[in-house]
Amino acid sequence: MSGPFDSLVERYEAWYEDHPDIFNQEIALLRTYWPTSGLRLELGSGTGRFGASLGVEIGCEPSAPMNARAVERLPAVVRGVGEALPFHGEAFDAVLAVGVLAFLEDIEAVLGEVRRVLVDRGHLLLGFIDSRSPLGRRYAGELTDDPFYRAARFHSAAELEELVRRGGFETPFFAQTLLGPPERPLALPGCVQGSGRGGFSCLVARKAPC
């Protein structure tokens, strides 16, 4: 899952430095639904930007260069993959994953691992680009040569809902932000419920009781 991220850490970091308003709007959406207590894990934690902003205690990331940056931001970082998380069962109260599912080969296996490490009724929060949104459609058509996104497969909210329900989670809830057109995503500020419209969406679900 590390892919191009091993060699493009500086470019990854530079994008966020150059687009702070977009990043802050994404954080604002995620913070609305992210629990403020308990032991919280970020899956695919990258350089730790999202996790640090949301108070994550532990990051898990397969890319060693990404982890080298994340240790400067997160209390603890481990190297590992979502298909085989290096944690005991029912170890976490919440799991965060932002932009990760588009790069996974076996989402069902990863969701199974997430369910395993979550306590009953634990929170799952996914940040993603909806393939049915204007931005998702634009990315699919224009970024085939982009070093980050050429290997990505974006999913619709409906696809993710089906995956998480099959994976042992309760019916999810969706919200979205970056509501303006793809070339000016901040033209319409704020966050709204639902999916398919915003440039950045989140899925909120709880682990169904065993």
C-alpha atoms as a PDB file:
ATOM      1  CA  MET A   1       0.000   0.000   0.000  1.00  0.00           C
ATOM      2  CA  SER A   2       2.979   2.371   0.304  1.00  0.00           C
ATOM      3  CA  GLY A   3       3.440   2.600  -3.497  1.00  0.00           C
ATOM      4  CA  PRO A   4       4.593   6.046  -4.683  1.00  0.00           C
ATOM      5  CA  PHE A   5       4.489   7.475  -1.193  1.00  0.00           C
ATOM      6  CA  ASP A   6       7.935   6.091  -0.359  1.00  0.00           C
ATOM      7  CA  SER A   7       9.696   8.352  -2.851  1.00  0.00           C
ATOM      8  CA  LEU A   8       7.376  11.365  -2.897  1.00  0.00           C
ATOM      9  CA  VAL A   9       7.150  12.354   0.751  1.00  0.00           C
ATOM     10  CA  GLU A  10       8.328  15.909   0.099  1.00  0.00           C
ATOM     11  CA  ARG A  11       5.789  16.377  -2.678  1.00  0.00           C
ATOM     12  CA  TYR A  12       3.054  14.992  -0.459  1.00  0.00           C
ATOM     13  CA  GLU A  13       3.984  17.391   2.334  1.00  0.00           C
ATOM     14  CA  ALA A  14       4.255  20.343  -0.057  1.00  0.00           C
ATOM     15  CA  TRP A  15       0.687  19.850  -1.288  1.00  0.00           C
ATOM     16  CA  TYR A  16      -0.685  20.344   2.213  1.00  0.00           C
ATOM     17  CA  GLU A  17       1.580  23.315   2.824  1.00  0.00           C
ATOM     18  CA  ASP A  18       0.270  24.888  -0.380  1.00  0.00           C
ATOM     19  CA  HIS A  19      -3.425  24.155   0.327  1.00  0.00           C
ATOM     20  CA  PRO A  20      -4.002  24.854   4.037  1.00  0.00           C
ATOM     21  CA  ASP A  21      -7.586  26.048   3.573  1.00  0.00           C
ATOM     22  CA  ILE A  22      -8.611  22.798   1.897  1.00  0.00           C
ATOM     23  CA  PHE A  23      -6.870  20.732   4.577  1.00  0.00           C
ATOM     24  CA  ASN A  24      -8.522  22.736   7.364  1.00  0.00           C
ATOM     25  CA  GLN A  25     -11.962  22.225   5.822  1.00  0.00           C
ATOM     26  CA  GLU A  26     -11.366  18.479   5.616  1.00  0.00           C
ATOM     27  CA  ILE A  27     -10.261  18.428   9.250  1.00  0.00           C
ATOM     28  CA  ALA A  28     -13.345  20.405  10.263  1.00  0.00           C
ATOM     29  CA  LEU A  29     -15.572  17.754   8.680  1.00  0.00           C
ATOM     30  CA  LEU A  30     -13.739  14.844  10.274  1.00  0.00           C
ATOM     31  CA  ARG A  31     -13.573  16.494  13.690  1.00  0.00           C
ATOM     32  CA  THR A  32     -17.370  16.775  13.740  1.00  0.00           C
ATOM     33  CA  TYR A  33     -17.666  12.976  13.847  1.00  0.00           C
ATOM     34  CA  TRP A  34     -14.410  11.893  15.487  1.00  0.00           C
ATOM     35  CA  PRO A  35     -14.577  10.856  19.185  1.00  0.00           C
ATOM     36  CA  THR A  36     -12.571  12.995  21.584  1.00  0.00           C
ATOM     37  CA  SER A  37     -11.715  10.222  24.028  1.00  0.00           C
ATOM     38  CA  GLY A  38     -10.613   6.592  24.075  1.00  0.00           C
ATOM     39  CA  LEU A  39      -7.660   4.952  22.356  1.00  0.00           C
ATOM     40  CA  ARG A  40      -7.667   5.974  18.699  1.00  0.00           C
ATOM     41  CA  LEU A  41      -5.794   4.501  15.725  1.00  0.00           C
ATOM     42  CA  GLU A  42      -5.117   6.000  12.315  1.00  0.00           C
ATOM     43  CA  LEU A  43      -4.774   3.448   9.529  1.00  0.00           C
ATOM     44  CA  GLY A  44      -2.510   4.618   6.703  1.00  0.00           C
ATOM     45  CA  SER A  45      -1.361   7.522   8.846  1.00  0.00           C
ATOM     46  CA  GLY A  46       1.061   8.904   6.252  1.00  0.00           C
ATOM     47  CA  THR A  47       3.097  11.770   7.684  1.00  0.00           C
ATOM     48  CA  GLY A  48       0.664  12.167  10.573  1.00  0.00           C
ATOM     49  CA  ARG A  49      -1.021  15.379   9.483  1.00  0.00           C
ATOM     50  CA  PHE A  50      -4.612  14.206   9.877  1.00  0.00           C
ATOM     51  CA  GLY A  51      -3.997  12.128  12.977  1.00  0.00           C
ATOM     52  CA  ALA A  52      -2.144  14.916  14.774  1.00  0.00           C
ATOM     53  CA  SER A  53      -4.969  17.349  14.060  1.00  0.00           C
ATOM     54  CA  LEU A  54      -7.524  14.894  15.455  1.00  0.00           C
ATOM     55  CA  GLY A  55      -5.648  13.728  18.550  1.00  0.00           C
ATOM     56  CA  VAL A  56      -4.859  10.207  17.335  1.00  0.00           C
ATOM     57  CA  GLU A  57      -2.701   8.249  19.786  1.00  0.00           C
ATOM     58  CA  ILE A  58      -1.260   5.632  17.377  1.00  0.00           C
ATOM     59  CA  GLY A  59      -0.562   5.690  13.658  1.00  0.00           C
ATOM     60  CA  CYS A  60      -0.053   2.633  11.446  1.00  0.00           C
ATOM     61  CA  GLU A  61       1.609   3.111   8.054  1.00  0.00           C
ATOM     62  CA  PRO A  62       3.495   0.747   5.672  1.00  0.00           C
ATOM     63  CA  SER A  63       5.815   3.408   4.239  1.00  0.00           C
ATOM     64  CA  ALA A  64       9.018   3.867   6.241  1.00  0.00           C
ATOM     65  CA  PRO A  65       9.720   7.373   4.849  1.00  0.00           C
ATOM     66  CA  MET A  66       6.192   8.450   5.768  1.00  0.00           C
ATOM     67  CA  ASN A  67       6.606   7.013   9.251  1.00  0.00           C
ATOM     68  CA  ALA A  68       9.837   8.962   9.694  1.00  0.00           C
ATOM     69  CA  ARG A  69       7.791  12.160   9.375  1.00  0.00           C
ATOM     70  CA  ALA A  70       4.832  10.895  11.372  1.00  0.00           C
ATOM     71  CA  VAL A  71       6.924  10.295  14.517  1.00  0.00           C
ATOM     72  CA  GLU A  72       7.356  14.065  14.709  1.00  0.00           C
ATOM     73  CA  ARG A  73       3.589  14.544  14.950  1.00  0.00           C
ATOM     74  CA  LEU A  74       2.000  11.489  16.573  1.00  0.00           C
ATOM     75  CA  PRO A  75       2.608  10.034  20.057  1.00  0.00           C
ATOM     76  CA  ALA A  76       3.324   6.576  18.578  1.00  0.00           C
ATOM     77  CA  VAL A  77       3.746   5.160  15.066  1.00  0.00           C
ATOM     78  CA  VAL A  78       4.129   1.535  13.964  1.00  0.00           C
ATOM     79  CA  ARG A  79       4.913   0.125  10.551  1.00  0.00           C
ATOM     80  CA  GLY A  80       2.244  -2.235   9.315  1.00  0.00           C
ATOM     81  CA  VAL A  81      -0.386  -2.979   6.688  1.00  0.00           C
ATOM     82  CA  GLY A  82      -4.142  -2.891   7.004  1.00  0.00           C
ATOM     83  CA  GLU A  83      -4.531  -6.514   5.947  1.00  0.00           C
ATOM     84  CA  ALA A  84      -2.605  -7.670   9.040  1.00  0.00           C
ATOM     85  CA  LEU A  85      -2.753  -5.007  11.740  1.00  0.00           C
ATOM     86  CA  PRO A  86      -0.091  -5.546  14.428  1.00  0.00           C
ATOM     87  CA  PHE A  87      -2.485  -5.102  17.352  1.00  0.00           C
ATOM     88  CA  HIS A  88      -4.506  -7.274  19.713  1.00  0.00           C
ATOM     89  CA  GLY A  89      -8.231  -7.669  19.226  1.00  0.00           C
ATOM     90  CA  GLU A  90     -10.564  -5.040  20.671  1.00  0.00           C
ATOM     91  CA  ALA A  91      -7.628  -2.724  21.357  1.00  0.00           C
ATOM     92  CA  PHE A  92      -9.116   0.525  20.038  1.00  0.00           C
ATOM     93  CA  ASP A  93     -12.172   2.666  20.561  1.00  0.00           C
ATOM     94  CA  ALA A  94     -11.939   4.317  17.149  1.00  0.00           C
ATOM     95  CA  VAL A  95     -10.155   3.871  13.808  1.00  0.00           C
ATOM     96  CA  LEU A  96      -9.534   6.657  11.303  1.00  0.00           C
ATOM     97  CA  ALA A  97      -8.540   6.177   7.645  1.00  0.00           C
ATOM     98  CA  VAL A  98      -8.276   9.131   5.257  1.00  0.00           C
ATOM     99  CA  GLY A  99      -7.772   8.534   1.543  1.00  0.00           C
ATOM    100  CA  VAL A 100      -6.604   4.984   2.185  1.00  0.00           C
ATOM    101  CA  LEU A 101      -9.303   2.834   0.630  1.00  0.00           C
ATOM    102  CA  ALA A 102      -8.558   4.066  -2.896  1.00  0.00           C
ATOM    103  CA  PHE A 103      -5.155   2.339  -2.713  1.00  0.00           C
ATOM    104  CA  LEU A 104      -6.168  -0.990  -1.166  1.00  0.00           C
ATOM    105  CA  GLU A 105      -6.289  -4.225  -3.136  1.00  0.00           C
ATOM    106  CA  ASP A 106      -8.473  -6.049  -0.598  1.00  0.00           C
ATOM    107  CA  ILE A 107     -10.774  -3.636   1.224  1.00  0.00           C
ATOM    108  CA  GLU A 108     -12.799  -6.451   2.751  1.00  0.00           C
ATOM    109  CA  ALA A 109      -9.693  -7.914   4.416  1.00  0.00           C
ATOM    110  CA  VAL A 110      -8.750  -4.527   5.821  1.00  0.00           C
ATOM    111  CA  LEU A 111     -12.247  -3.882   7.148  1.00  0.00           C
ATOM    112  CA  GLY A 112     -12.126  -7.313   8.775  1.00  0.00           C
ATOM    113  CA  GLU A 113      -8.928  -6.331  10.558  1.00  0.00           C
ATOM    114  CA  VAL A 114     -10.395  -2.982  11.574  1.00  0.00           C
ATOM    115  CA  ARG A 115     -13.407  -4.749  13.020  1.00  0.00           C
ATOM    116  CA  ARG A 116     -11.119  -7.145  14.892  1.00  0.00           C
ATOM    117  CA  VAL A 117      -9.147  -4.384  16.625  1.00  0.00           C
ATOM    118  CA  LEU A 118     -12.211  -2.274  17.503  1.00  0.00           C
ATOM    119  CA  VAL A 119     -14.253  -2.690  20.665  1.00  0.00           C
ATOM    120  CA  ASP A 120     -17.957  -3.396  20.232  1.00  0.00           C
ATOM    121  CA  ARG A 121     -19.697  -0.239  19.015  1.00  0.00           C
ATOM    122  CA  GLY A 122     -16.285   1.286  18.310  1.00  0.00           C
ATOM    123  CA  HIS A 123     -16.122   4.100  15.760  1.00  0.00           C
ATOM    124  CA  LEU A 124     -14.927   3.833  12.155  1.00  0.00           C
ATOM    125  CA  LEU A 125     -14.339   7.112  10.317  1.00  0.00           C
ATOM    126  CA  LEU A 126     -13.324   7.045   6.648  1.00  0.00           C
ATOM    127  CA  GLY A 127     -12.351  10.128   4.664  1.00  0.00           C
ATOM    128  CA  PHE A 128     -12.593   9.636   0.899  1.00  0.00           C
ATOM    129  CA  ILE A 129     -13.139  11.127  -2.539  1.00  0.00           C
ATOM    130  CA  ASP A 130     -16.539   9.974  -3.769  1.00  0.00           C
ATOM    131  CA  SER A 131     -16.313   8.619  -7.320  1.00  0.00           C
ATOM    132  CA  ARG A 132     -19.800   9.993  -8.020  1.00  0.00           C
ATOM    133  CA  SER A 133     -18.874  13.540  -6.992  1.00  0.00           C
ATOM    134  CA  PRO A 134     -17.721  16.170  -9.526  1.00  0.00           C
ATOM    135  CA  LEU A 135     -14.191  16.002  -8.100  1.00  0.00           C
ATOM    136  CA  GLY A 136     -14.125  12.202  -8.212  1.00  0.00           C
ATOM    137  CA  ARG A 137     -15.215  12.191 -11.848  1.00  0.00           C
ATOM    138  CA  ARG A 138     -12.609  14.815 -12.690  1.00  0.00           C
ATOM    139  CA  TYR A 139      -9.828  12.882 -10.977  1.00  0.00           C
ATOM    140  CA  ALA A 140     -10.784   9.688 -12.756  1.00  0.00           C
ATOM    141  CA  GLY A 141     -10.492  11.445 -16.100  1.00  0.00           C
ATOM    142  CA  GLU A 142      -7.559  13.797 -15.594  1.00  0.00           C
ATOM    143  CA  LEU A 143      -5.115  12.305 -13.118  1.00  0.00           C
ATOM    144  CA  THR A 144      -4.113   9.088 -14.847  1.00  0.00           C
ATOM    145  CA  ASP A 145      -0.520  10.367 -15.018  1.00  0.00           C
ATOM    146  CA  ASP A 146      -0.429  11.763 -11.491  1.00  0.00           C
ATOM    147  CA  PRO A 147       2.167   9.823  -9.421  1.00  0.00           C
ATOM    148  CA  PHE A 148      -0.199   9.572  -6.455  1.00  0.00           C
ATOM    149  CA  TYR A 149      -3.560   8.962  -8.091  1.00  0.00           C
ATOM    150  CA  ARG A 150      -2.755   6.880 -11.156  1.00  0.00           C
ATOM    151  CA  ALA A 151      -2.878   3.755  -8.976  1.00  0.00           C
ATOM    152  CA  ALA A 152      -6.013   4.863  -7.118  1.00  0.00           C
ATOM    153  CA  ARG A 153      -9.510   3.469  -7.492  1.00  0.00           C
ATOM    154  CA  PHE A 154     -12.126   5.804  -6.108  1.00  0.00           C
ATOM    155  CA  HIS A 155     -15.327   4.369  -4.688  1.00  0.00           C
ATOM    156  CA  SER A 156     -18.834   5.735  -4.407  1.00  0.00           C
ATOM    157  CA  ALA A 157     -20.601   6.175  -1.095  1.00  0.00           C
ATOM    158  CA  ALA A 158     -22.980   3.372  -2.065  1.00  0.00           C
ATOM    159  CA  GLU A 159     -20.072   0.994  -2.700  1.00  0.00           C
ATOM    160  CA  LEU A 160     -18.476   1.820   0.643  1.00  0.00           C
ATOM    161  CA  GLU A 161     -21.788   1.467   2.463  1.00  0.00           C
ATOM    162  CA  GLU A 162     -22.183  -2.041   1.105  1.00  0.00           C
ATOM    163  CA  LEU A 163     -18.594  -2.958   2.018  1.00  0.00           C
ATOM    164  CA  VAL A 164     -18.789  -1.741   5.615  1.00  0.00           C
ATOM    165  CA  ARG A 165     -22.185  -3.354   6.199  1.00  0.00           C
ATOM    166  CA  ARG A 166     -20.878  -6.666   4.880  1.00  0.00           C
ATOM    167  CA  GLY A 167     -17.803  -6.162   7.041  1.00  0.00           C
ATOM    168  CA  GLY A 168     -19.769  -6.202  10.290  1.00  0.00           C
ATOM    169  CA  PHE A 169     -20.552  -2.533  10.817  1.00  0.00           C
ATOM    170  CA  GLU A 170     -23.874  -0.838  11.381  1.00  0.00           C
ATOM    171  CA  THR A 171     -25.469   1.227   8.620  1.00  0.00           C
ATOM    172  CA  PRO A 172     -23.101   4.159   8.024  1.00  0.00           C
ATOM    173  CA  PHE A 173     -23.742   7.878   7.940  1.00  0.00           C
ATOM    174  CA  PHE A 174     -22.246  10.230   5.319  1.00  0.00           C
ATOM    175  CA  ALA A 175     -21.258  13.889   5.302  1.00  0.00           C
ATOM    176  CA  GLN A 176     -19.295  16.034   2.861  1.00  0.00           C
ATOM    177  CA  THR A 177     -17.417  19.300   2.375  1.00  0.00           C
ATOM    178  CA  LEU A 178     -15.562  21.225  -0.385  1.00  0.00           C
ATOM    179  CA  LEU A 179     -18.938  21.849  -1.974  1.00  0.00           C
ATOM    180  CA  GLY A 180     -17.857  24.197  -4.748  1.00  0.00           C
ATOM    181  CA  PRO A 181     -16.884  23.108  -8.269  1.00  0.00           C
ATOM    182  CA  PRO A 182     -13.638  21.082  -8.593  1.00  0.00           C
ATOM    183  CA  GLU A 183     -11.669  24.133  -9.713  1.00  0.00           C
ATOM    184  CA  ARG A 184     -12.940  26.174  -6.720  1.00  0.00           C
ATOM    185  CA  PRO A 185     -13.903  23.689  -3.987  1.00  0.00           C
ATOM    186  CA  LEU A 186     -14.007  26.348  -1.248  1.00  0.00           C
ATOM    187  CA  ALA A 187     -16.439  28.566  -3.164  1.00  0.00           C
ATOM    188  CA  LEU A 188     -19.275  27.088  -1.070  1.00  0.00           C
ATOM    189  CA  PRO A 189     -18.082  26.881   2.553  1.00  0.00           C
ATOM    190  CA  GLY A 190     -19.228  24.470   5.213  1.00  0.00           C
ATOM    191  CA  CYS A 191     -20.257  20.830   5.533  1.00  0.00           C
ATOM    192  CA  VAL A 192     -23.544  19.086   4.782  1.00  0.00           C
ATOM    193  CA  GLN A 193     -24.925  15.621   5.315  1.00  0.00           C
ATOM    194  CA  GLY A 194     -25.128  13.117   2.480  1.00  0.00           C
ATOM    195  CA  SER A 195     -22.775  12.256  -0.382  1.00  0.00           C
ATOM    196  CA  GLY A 196     -22.128  12.724  -4.081  1.00  0.00           C
ATOM    197  CA  ARG A 197     -21.733  16.479  -4.036  1.00  0.00           C
ATOM    198  CA  GLY A 198     -18.664  17.494  -2.051  1.00  0.00           C
ATOM    199  CA  GLY A 199     -15.049  17.102  -3.067  1.00  0.00           C
ATOM    200  CA  PHE A 200     -14.277  15.378   0.232  1.00  0.00           C
ATOM    201  CA  SER A 201     -16.626  13.011   2.072  1.00  0.00           C
ATOM    202  CA  CYS A 202     -16.622  10.965   5.232  1.00  0.00           C
ATOM    203  CA  LEU A 203     -18.286   7.740   6.260  1.00  0.00           C
ATOM    204  CA  VAL A 204     -19.158   7.258   9.918  1.00  0.00           C
ATOM    205  CA  ALA A 205     -20.028   3.801  11.252  1.00  0.00           C
ATOM    206  CA  ARG A 206     -19.944   1.719  14.418  1.00  0.00           C
ATOM    207  CA  LYS A 207     -18.829  -1.857  14.809  1.00  0.00           C
ATOM    208  CA  ALA A 208     -21.902  -4.034  15.162  1.00  0.00           C
ATOM    209  CA  PRO A 209     -21.998  -6.053  18.405  1.00  0.00           C
ATOM    210  CA  CYS A 210     -20.611  -9.566  18.115  1.00  0.00           C
END
